[in-house]
Amino acid sequence: MRPSHPKERDLRIDFFRGLALIFIFIDHVPDNSWAKGTLKNFGFADASEVFVLLAGFSAGLAYLSLEERGGFRAVAERATRRAREIYVWHIGVFLIASLLLFLAARAFGKPSYVNNIVVGHLATDPVTTLLSAFGLYYQPNMMNILPMYVLLMLWLPAIIAMLRRSIPLALTVAFSIWLATNVTGLNLPSFQMATGWFFNPFAWQLLFTVGAAAAMVARRAPSAPRPEILIPAGAFVVFAFLVAAPWVAISWLPSERLLPRDLMGAMSKSDLSLWRLLHVLALAYVVAAIVPKNATWLKQSWANAVSLCGKHSLEIFSLGTLLSFLGWIALAELGSSQLMVAAINVAGIAIMSMTAWQLSRRKEDRRALAQATPVQALAS
């Protein structure tokens, strides 16, 4: 029997996952000046890498514990159920977003609302397009993350099985698949892109696996940051910052770059380039080293609002996608003044936070009802 080590909840996981979701919402609103302050401007990786890494970490924590209690079959059943749930949410977001964009295009006489997101095929060939969407072959712009996540959850039981045998084995297999993908161009077919899915699941599974492996290490015993890792990781984060040169996007700051932008060559997001991978891993190690898992500020109300978004990541990501389309329409039709931009961002973040709060409250009410029901039955 494997030992179980219940540990205090790591507040950093939900907080930074929630922050990544907020950044994704901001980044997905076209012409959003607030996007200059999101992670993508401060290095090679962006909020997508953070989200997938933390998704792997939290999945590792949950499913490793489940495997201890119920074995591999329980892991496979729950992971499959979760994949189905994500699939349903993806299809729902696709249908609602498509309807919203078609209505906006018709109401304002702007086909760009449909054409820029590549949903126009629903009007010209609805049957084929819907069947392709249901088969995850048709993935409109900004609606291509959840399909990858579906496959990652289906891959998760294999990750858990390999981790139980050996962490180096799991990482070697995942790295080998990633390497083969980047060398051969291995990918799944896509309607929009000749090269395949925008988020290539064969590449991104490496980041998800690394997150799950880190969770297994964290469950065994807490360890202090190791200087031989922390120093190079910190240096790489600074290096990525200098290459990204976020100050050049701000008009009143110097426009010169200290290092050329193309110094590192192409940085494919679709295939999770090595530079993006190294950046998010280095950043995660540095943040984990300098932010305690029970830091006082993580318990403050504003941080809790962000953390609640991270706890309900699927629902909040889906909501954020729809809100980003509404924000795009609002900016295009009402003007893109700084006041309007601020109003759209604040409103979107507030709606996401309030929704997460309501979801948490409903979950607590259901838990309280479930606990009270047996007592009531005995009393009667």
Protein backbone atom coordinates (compact mmCIF):
# COMPACT_ATOMS: atom_id res chain seq x y z
CA MET A 1 0.00 0.00 0.00
CA ARG A 2 1.38 3.37 -1.00
CA PRO A 3 1.64 6.01 1.70
CA SER A 4 -0.64 8.98 1.46
CA HIS A 5 0.64 12.33 2.59
CA PRO A 6 -2.16 14.87 3.02
CA LYS A 7 -0.70 18.31 2.64
CA GLU A 8 -1.83 21.86 3.10
CA ARG A 9 -3.37 23.25 -0.09
CA ASP A 10 -0.89 25.17 -2.21
CA LEU A 11 -2.58 28.55 -2.73
CA ARG A 12 -0.21 29.42 -5.57
CA ILE A 13 -1.71 26.88 -7.98
CA ASP A 14 -5.21 28.35 -8.18
CA PHE A 15 -3.95 31.94 -8.01
CA PHE A 16 -1.53 31.72 -10.92
CA ARG A 17 -3.91 29.59 -12.95
CA GLY A 18 -6.59 32.22 -12.39
CA LEU A 19 -4.13 34.96 -13.34
CA ALA A 20 -3.31 33.05 -16.53
CA LEU A 21 -7.03 32.90 -17.38
CA ILE A 22 -7.34 36.66 -16.90
CA PHE A 23 -4.31 37.22 -19.12
CA ILE A 24 -5.79 34.93 -21.79
CA PHE A 25 -9.02 36.95 -21.75
CA ILE A 26 -7.09 40.22 -22.11
CA ASP A 27 -4.87 38.82 -24.88
CA HIS A 28 -7.89 37.51 -26.81
CA VAL A 29 -9.54 40.94 -27.11
CA PRO A 30 -8.19 42.38 -30.39
CA ASP A 31 -6.56 45.83 -30.17
CA ASN A 32 -6.58 45.66 -26.38
CA SER A 33 -3.89 47.99 -25.07
CA TRP A 34 -3.95 46.18 -21.71
CA ALA A 35 -2.40 43.20 -23.49
CA LYS A 36 0.91 45.08 -23.35
CA GLY A 37 1.03 44.19 -19.66
CA THR A 38 0.45 40.44 -19.96
CA LEU A 39 3.09 37.75 -19.75
CA LYS A 40 3.64 37.42 -23.51
CA ASN A 41 5.48 40.77 -23.49
CA PHE A 42 7.97 39.78 -20.80
CA GLY A 43 9.56 36.70 -22.28
CA PHE A 44 9.14 33.87 -24.75
CA ALA A 45 6.15 32.07 -23.21
CA ASP A 46 2.69 33.44 -22.50
CA ALA A 47 -0.31 32.62 -20.33
CA SER A 48 -1.14 29.50 -22.37
CA GLU A 49 2.07 27.77 -21.25
CA VAL A 50 1.43 28.74 -17.64
CA PHE A 51 -2.11 27.41 -17.82
CA VAL A 52 -1.10 24.03 -19.30
CA LEU A 53 1.81 23.57 -16.88
CA LEU A 54 -0.41 24.26 -13.87
CA ALA A 55 -3.17 22.11 -15.35
CA GLY A 56 -0.69 19.24 -15.47
CA PHE A 57 0.44 19.95 -11.91
CA SER A 58 -3.08 20.06 -10.47
CA ALA A 59 -4.10 17.00 -12.50
CA GLY A 60 -1.05 15.18 -11.18
CA LEU A 61 -1.99 15.97 -7.58
CA ALA A 62 -5.60 14.88 -8.04
CA TYR A 63 -5.12 11.78 -10.15
CA LEU A 64 -2.10 10.42 -8.30
CA SER A 65 -4.21 10.52 -5.13
CA LEU A 66 -7.10 8.90 -7.00
CA GLU A 67 -4.81 6.14 -8.28
CA GLU A 68 -3.74 5.40 -4.70
CA ARG A 69 -7.37 4.96 -3.65
CA GLY A 70 -8.96 3.36 -6.70
CA GLY A 71 -6.19 2.15 -8.98
CA PHE A 72 -5.59 2.77 -12.67
CA ARG A 73 -9.17 2.01 -13.67
CA ALA A 74 -10.50 4.84 -11.51
CA VAL A 75 -7.98 7.22 -13.10
CA ALA A 76 -8.96 6.16 -16.62
CA GLU A 77 -12.69 6.51 -15.90
CA ARG A 78 -12.46 9.94 -14.31
CA ALA A 79 -10.01 11.28 -16.92
CA THR A 80 -12.31 10.08 -19.72
CA ARG A 81 -15.28 11.68 -18.01
CA ARG A 82 -13.38 14.94 -17.65
CA ALA A 83 -12.35 14.82 -21.32
CA ARG A 84 -16.01 14.42 -22.30
CA GLU A 85 -16.94 17.37 -20.10
CA ILE A 86 -14.28 19.58 -21.70
CA TYR A 87 -15.44 18.46 -25.15
CA VAL A 88 -19.04 19.46 -24.36
CA TRP A 89 -17.91 22.86 -23.10
CA HIS A 90 -15.83 23.38 -26.25
CA ILE A 91 -18.77 22.61 -28.53
CA GLY A 92 -21.00 24.88 -26.45
CA VAL A 93 -18.52 27.77 -26.68
CA PHE A 94 -18.15 27.19 -30.42
CA LEU A 95 -21.90 27.31 -31.05
CA ILE A 96 -22.58 30.31 -28.79
CA ALA A 97 -19.59 32.29 -30.10
CA SER A 98 -20.49 31.55 -33.71
CA LEU A 99 -24.08 32.73 -33.15
CA LEU A 100 -22.82 35.87 -31.41
CA LEU A 101 -20.40 36.72 -34.23
CA PHE A 102 -22.98 36.11 -36.95
CA LEU A 103 -25.47 38.36 -35.16
CA ALA A 104 -22.83 41.08 -34.76
CA ALA A 105 -21.82 40.82 -38.42
CA ARG A 106 -25.44 41.17 -39.49
CA ALA A 107 -26.34 43.92 -37.03
CA PHE A 108 -23.32 46.11 -37.79
CA GLY A 109 -22.74 45.13 -41.41
CA LYS A 110 -19.20 43.90 -40.73
CA PRO A 111 -18.33 40.48 -42.18
CA SER A 112 -14.95 40.74 -40.42
CA TYR A 113 -16.59 39.51 -37.21
CA VAL A 114 -17.16 36.21 -38.97
CA ASN A 115 -14.22 36.11 -41.35
CA ASN A 116 -11.47 36.95 -38.85
CA ILE A 117 -12.46 34.07 -36.57
CA VAL A 118 -13.03 31.76 -39.55
CA VAL A 119 -16.61 30.74 -38.75
CA GLY A 120 -18.08 31.80 -42.11
CA HIS A 121 -18.17 28.20 -43.31
CA LEU A 122 -21.12 27.63 -41.00
CA ALA A 123 -23.20 29.74 -43.40
CA THR A 124 -21.92 28.25 -46.66
CA ASP A 125 -21.76 24.57 -45.64
CA PRO A 126 -23.33 24.16 -42.18
CA VAL A 127 -23.63 20.36 -42.14
CA THR A 128 -20.02 19.64 -43.09
CA THR A 129 -18.75 22.43 -40.83
CA LEU A 130 -20.70 21.22 -37.80
CA LEU A 131 -19.57 17.63 -38.34
CA SER A 132 -15.98 18.85 -38.67
CA ALA A 133 -16.35 20.90 -35.48
CA PHE A 134 -17.76 17.91 -33.60
CA GLY A 135 -14.78 15.89 -34.81
CA LEU A 136 -12.38 18.65 -33.64
CA TYR A 137 -11.15 19.03 -37.22
CA TYR A 138 -12.66 22.51 -37.51
CA GLN A 139 -11.29 24.85 -34.82
CA PRO A 140 -12.00 28.57 -35.28
CA ASN A 141 -9.46 31.11 -34.09
CA MET A 142 -9.34 31.56 -30.31
CA MET A 143 -11.35 28.35 -29.88
CA ASN A 144 -8.48 25.91 -30.24
CA ILE A 145 -7.20 25.42 -26.69
CA LEU A 146 -9.93 23.15 -25.32
CA PRO A 147 -9.56 20.54 -28.11
CA MET A 148 -5.92 20.11 -27.08
CA TYR A 149 -6.99 19.86 -23.44
CA VAL A 150 -9.43 17.06 -24.34
CA LEU A 151 -6.57 14.97 -25.71
CA LEU A 152 -4.30 15.82 -22.79
CA MET A 153 -6.89 14.43 -20.39
CA LEU A 154 -7.16 11.24 -22.46
CA TRP A 155 -3.35 10.99 -22.29
CA LEU A 156 -3.31 11.56 -18.52
CA PRO A 157 -3.87 7.90 -17.46
CA ALA A 158 -0.76 6.91 -19.42
CA ILE A 159 1.17 9.72 -17.71
CA ILE A 160 0.06 8.53 -14.27
CA ALA A 161 0.96 4.92 -15.10
CA MET A 162 4.45 5.93 -16.28
CA LEU A 163 5.02 8.21 -13.30
CA ARG A 164 4.22 5.32 -10.96
CA ARG A 165 6.92 3.27 -12.63
CA SER A 166 9.51 6.02 -12.96
CA ILE A 167 9.51 9.80 -13.29
CA PRO A 168 12.50 9.70 -15.69
CA LEU A 169 10.56 7.18 -17.83
CA ALA A 170 7.53 9.48 -18.11
CA LEU A 171 9.67 12.51 -18.94
CA THR A 172 11.77 10.57 -21.46
CA VAL A 173 8.69 9.32 -23.32
CA ALA A 174 7.08 12.78 -23.30
CA PHE A 175 10.31 14.46 -24.45
CA SER A 176 10.80 11.90 -27.21
CA ILE A 177 7.30 12.57 -28.56
CA TRP A 178 7.92 16.33 -28.38
CA LEU A 179 11.26 15.99 -30.16
CA ALA A 180 9.82 13.78 -32.90
CA THR A 181 7.02 16.29 -33.35
CA ASN A 182 9.38 19.22 -33.80
CA VAL A 183 11.65 17.26 -36.17
CA THR A 184 9.00 15.60 -38.35
CA GLY A 185 6.09 18.04 -38.09
CA LEU A 186 3.82 15.37 -36.59
CA ASN A 187 0.37 16.84 -35.92
CA LEU A 188 -3.36 16.18 -36.25
CA PRO A 189 -5.17 17.45 -39.38
CA SER A 190 -6.90 20.81 -39.22
CA PHE A 191 -9.39 22.59 -41.45
CA GLN A 192 -7.72 25.99 -41.09
CA MET A 193 -4.02 25.16 -41.06
CA ALA A 194 -2.14 22.94 -43.49
CA THR A 195 0.34 22.17 -40.72
CA GLY A 196 -2.36 20.86 -38.37
CA TRP A 197 -3.79 21.90 -35.02
CA PHE A 198 -2.67 25.30 -33.77
CA PHE A 199 -2.01 23.78 -30.32
CA ASN A 200 -0.21 20.62 -31.40
CA PRO A 201 -1.13 18.06 -28.72
CA PHE A 202 1.94 15.91 -29.50
CA ALA A 203 4.15 18.86 -28.53
CA TRP A 204 2.15 20.33 -25.67
CA GLN A 205 1.82 16.99 -23.88
CA LEU A 206 5.42 17.48 -22.74
CA LEU A 207 4.54 20.56 -20.69
CA PHE A 208 1.48 18.82 -19.24
CA THR A 209 3.60 15.77 -18.33
CA VAL A 210 6.27 17.94 -16.71
CA GLY A 211 3.56 19.53 -14.58
CA ALA A 212 2.27 16.13 -13.46
CA ALA A 213 5.83 14.95 -12.73
CA ALA A 214 6.45 18.07 -10.63
CA ALA A 215 3.29 17.28 -8.68
CA MET A 216 4.58 13.81 -7.89
CA VAL A 217 7.88 15.23 -6.66
CA ALA A 218 6.03 17.83 -4.56
CA ARG A 219 3.84 15.14 -2.96
CA ARG A 220 6.81 13.11 -1.80
CA ALA A 221 8.48 15.77 0.29
CA PRO A 222 8.85 19.55 0.24
CA SER A 223 12.25 20.68 -0.93
CA ALA A 224 14.01 24.01 -0.69
CA PRO A 225 15.04 25.78 -3.92
CA ARG A 226 18.39 24.50 -5.15
CA PRO A 227 20.86 27.30 -6.03
CA GLU A 228 22.34 25.27 -8.91
CA ILE A 229 18.88 25.37 -10.53
CA LEU A 230 17.55 28.69 -9.23
CA ILE A 231 20.47 30.80 -10.46
CA PRO A 232 20.41 29.57 -14.10
CA ALA A 233 16.59 29.72 -14.08
CA GLY A 234 16.64 33.32 -12.85
CA ALA A 235 19.29 34.22 -15.41
CA PHE A 236 17.18 32.73 -18.19
CA VAL A 237 14.10 34.67 -17.06
CA VAL A 238 16.13 37.91 -17.18
CA PHE A 239 17.54 36.95 -20.59
CA ALA A 240 14.04 36.32 -21.97
CA PHE A 241 12.92 39.67 -20.55
CA LEU A 242 15.75 41.48 -22.32
CA VAL A 243 14.97 39.79 -25.63
CA ALA A 244 11.25 40.57 -25.31
CA ALA A 245 12.05 44.20 -24.32
CA PRO A 246 8.53 45.10 -23.11
CA TRP A 247 9.49 48.74 -22.66
CA VAL A 248 9.58 49.36 -26.44
CA ALA A 249 5.77 49.08 -26.57
CA ILE A 250 5.41 52.07 -24.23
CA SER A 251 5.75 55.35 -26.10
CA TRP A 252 7.42 57.35 -23.31
CA LEU A 253 10.13 54.72 -22.68
CA PRO A 254 13.26 54.10 -24.81
CA SER A 255 12.53 52.26 -28.06
CA GLU A 256 15.92 50.57 -28.35
CA ARG A 257 16.32 46.84 -27.77
CA LEU A 258 19.34 45.56 -25.87
CA LEU A 259 19.17 42.28 -27.80
CA PRO A 260 17.70 41.68 -31.28
CA ARG A 261 14.20 40.21 -31.29
CA ASP A 262 15.15 37.52 -33.82
CA LEU A 263 18.20 36.44 -31.82
CA MET A 264 16.62 33.10 -30.93
CA GLY A 265 15.08 32.42 -34.34
CA ALA A 266 11.52 31.21 -34.79
CA MET A 267 9.60 30.43 -31.60
CA SER A 268 6.71 28.24 -32.66
CA LYS A 269 3.80 28.37 -30.27
CA SER A 270 2.00 25.56 -32.10
CA ASP A 271 4.86 23.11 -31.56
CA LEU A 272 5.95 24.53 -28.16
CA SER A 273 9.42 25.67 -29.18
CA LEU A 274 12.32 24.92 -26.86
CA TRP A 275 12.67 28.60 -25.88
CA ARG A 276 9.03 28.85 -24.83
CA LEU A 277 9.31 25.60 -22.89
CA LEU A 278 12.48 26.64 -21.08
CA HIS A 279 11.05 30.06 -20.27
CA VAL A 280 7.87 28.81 -18.61
CA LEU A 281 9.79 26.16 -16.64
CA ALA A 282 12.40 28.67 -15.48
CA LEU A 283 9.71 31.19 -14.58
CA ALA A 284 7.74 28.57 -12.63
CA TYR A 285 10.83 27.54 -10.65
CA VAL A 286 11.71 31.14 -9.80
CA VAL A 287 8.16 32.00 -8.73
CA ALA A 288 7.88 28.82 -6.65
CA ALA A 289 11.16 29.75 -4.96
CA ILE A 290 10.24 33.33 -4.04
CA VAL A 291 6.51 32.93 -3.32
CA PRO A 292 5.66 30.67 -0.34
CA LYS A 293 2.68 28.40 -0.92
CA ASN A 294 0.86 29.94 2.06
CA ALA A 295 1.98 33.56 1.53
CA THR A 296 -0.19 36.02 3.46
CA TRP A 297 -1.06 38.08 0.40
CA LEU A 298 -2.52 34.97 -1.30
CA LYS A 299 -5.22 34.96 1.40
CA GLN A 300 -6.35 38.52 0.76
CA SER A 301 -9.73 39.10 -0.85
CA TRP A 302 -8.42 40.31 -4.21
CA ALA A 303 -6.09 37.30 -4.50
CA ASN A 304 -8.93 34.99 -3.49
CA ALA A 305 -11.03 36.41 -6.35
CA VAL A 306 -8.27 35.46 -8.79
CA SER A 307 -7.84 32.05 -7.15
CA LEU A 308 -11.54 31.27 -7.51
CA CYS A 309 -11.17 31.76 -11.26
CA GLY A 310 -8.35 29.20 -11.18
CA LYS A 311 -10.45 26.72 -9.20
CA HIS A 312 -13.14 26.78 -11.88
CA SER A 313 -10.78 26.96 -14.83
CA LEU A 314 -12.96 25.25 -17.45
CA GLU A 315 -16.02 27.38 -16.82
CA ILE A 316 -14.04 30.61 -16.48
CA PHE A 317 -11.93 29.95 -19.57
CA SER A 318 -15.09 29.33 -21.59
CA LEU A 319 -16.73 32.46 -20.21
CA GLY A 320 -13.57 34.49 -20.87
CA THR A 321 -13.57 33.36 -24.50
CA LEU A 322 -17.11 34.62 -25.01
CA LEU A 323 -16.36 37.84 -23.14
CA SER A 324 -13.33 38.45 -25.37
CA PHE A 325 -15.59 38.36 -28.43
CA LEU A 326 -18.01 40.78 -26.76
CA GLY A 327 -15.07 43.03 -25.86
CA TRP A 328 -13.88 42.97 -29.47
CA ILE A 329 -17.33 43.99 -30.73
CA ALA A 330 -17.64 46.72 -28.09
CA LEU A 331 -14.25 48.21 -28.96
CA ALA A 332 -15.02 48.14 -32.66
CA GLU A 333 -18.47 49.71 -32.33
CA LEU A 334 -18.06 52.08 -29.38
CA GLY A 335 -14.50 53.24 -29.95
CA SER A 336 -11.17 52.23 -28.49
CA SER A 337 -10.47 55.13 -26.14
CA GLN A 338 -8.47 54.32 -23.05
CA LEU A 339 -11.60 54.77 -20.95
CA MET A 340 -13.51 52.28 -23.10
CA VAL A 341 -10.61 49.82 -23.05
CA ALA A 342 -10.42 50.07 -19.26
CA ALA A 343 -14.18 49.61 -18.92
CA ILE A 344 -14.18 46.47 -21.08
CA ASN A 345 -11.26 44.90 -19.25
CA VAL A 346 -12.56 45.73 -15.79
CA ALA A 347 -16.05 44.53 -16.68
CA GLY A 348 -14.74 41.29 -18.15
CA ILE A 349 -12.52 40.50 -15.18
CA ALA A 350 -15.32 41.41 -12.76
CA ILE A 351 -17.79 39.11 -14.55
CA MET A 352 -15.28 36.27 -14.50
CA SER A 353 -14.58 36.80 -10.80
CA MET A 354 -18.25 37.05 -9.83
CA THR A 355 -19.08 33.94 -11.83
CA ALA A 356 -16.27 32.03 -10.12
CA TRP A 357 -17.56 33.19 -6.73
CA GLN A 358 -21.07 32.01 -7.58
CA LEU A 359 -19.74 28.64 -8.75
CA SER A 360 -17.79 28.22 -5.52
CA ARG A 361 -20.81 29.19 -3.45
CA ARG A 362 -23.01 26.67 -5.27
CA LYS A 363 -20.39 23.96 -4.77
CA GLU A 364 -20.22 24.71 -1.04
CA ASP A 365 -24.03 24.64 -0.78
CA ARG A 366 -24.16 21.24 -2.51
CA ARG A 367 -21.45 19.90 -0.19
CA ALA A 368 -23.30 21.19 2.89
CA LEU A 369 -26.55 19.64 1.64
CA ALA A 370 -24.85 16.30 1.01
CA GLN A 371 -23.40 16.32 4.55
CA ALA A 372 -26.69 17.32 6.13
CA THR A 373 -28.89 14.80 4.32
CA PRO A 374 -27.66 11.66 6.20
CA VAL A 375 -28.11 13.42 9.54
CA GLN A 376 -31.66 14.43 8.65
CA ALA A 377 -32.41 10.88 7.54
CA LEU A 378 -31.24 9.50 10.90
CA ALA A 379 -33.22 12.10 12.82
CA SER A 380 -36.41 11.17 11.02
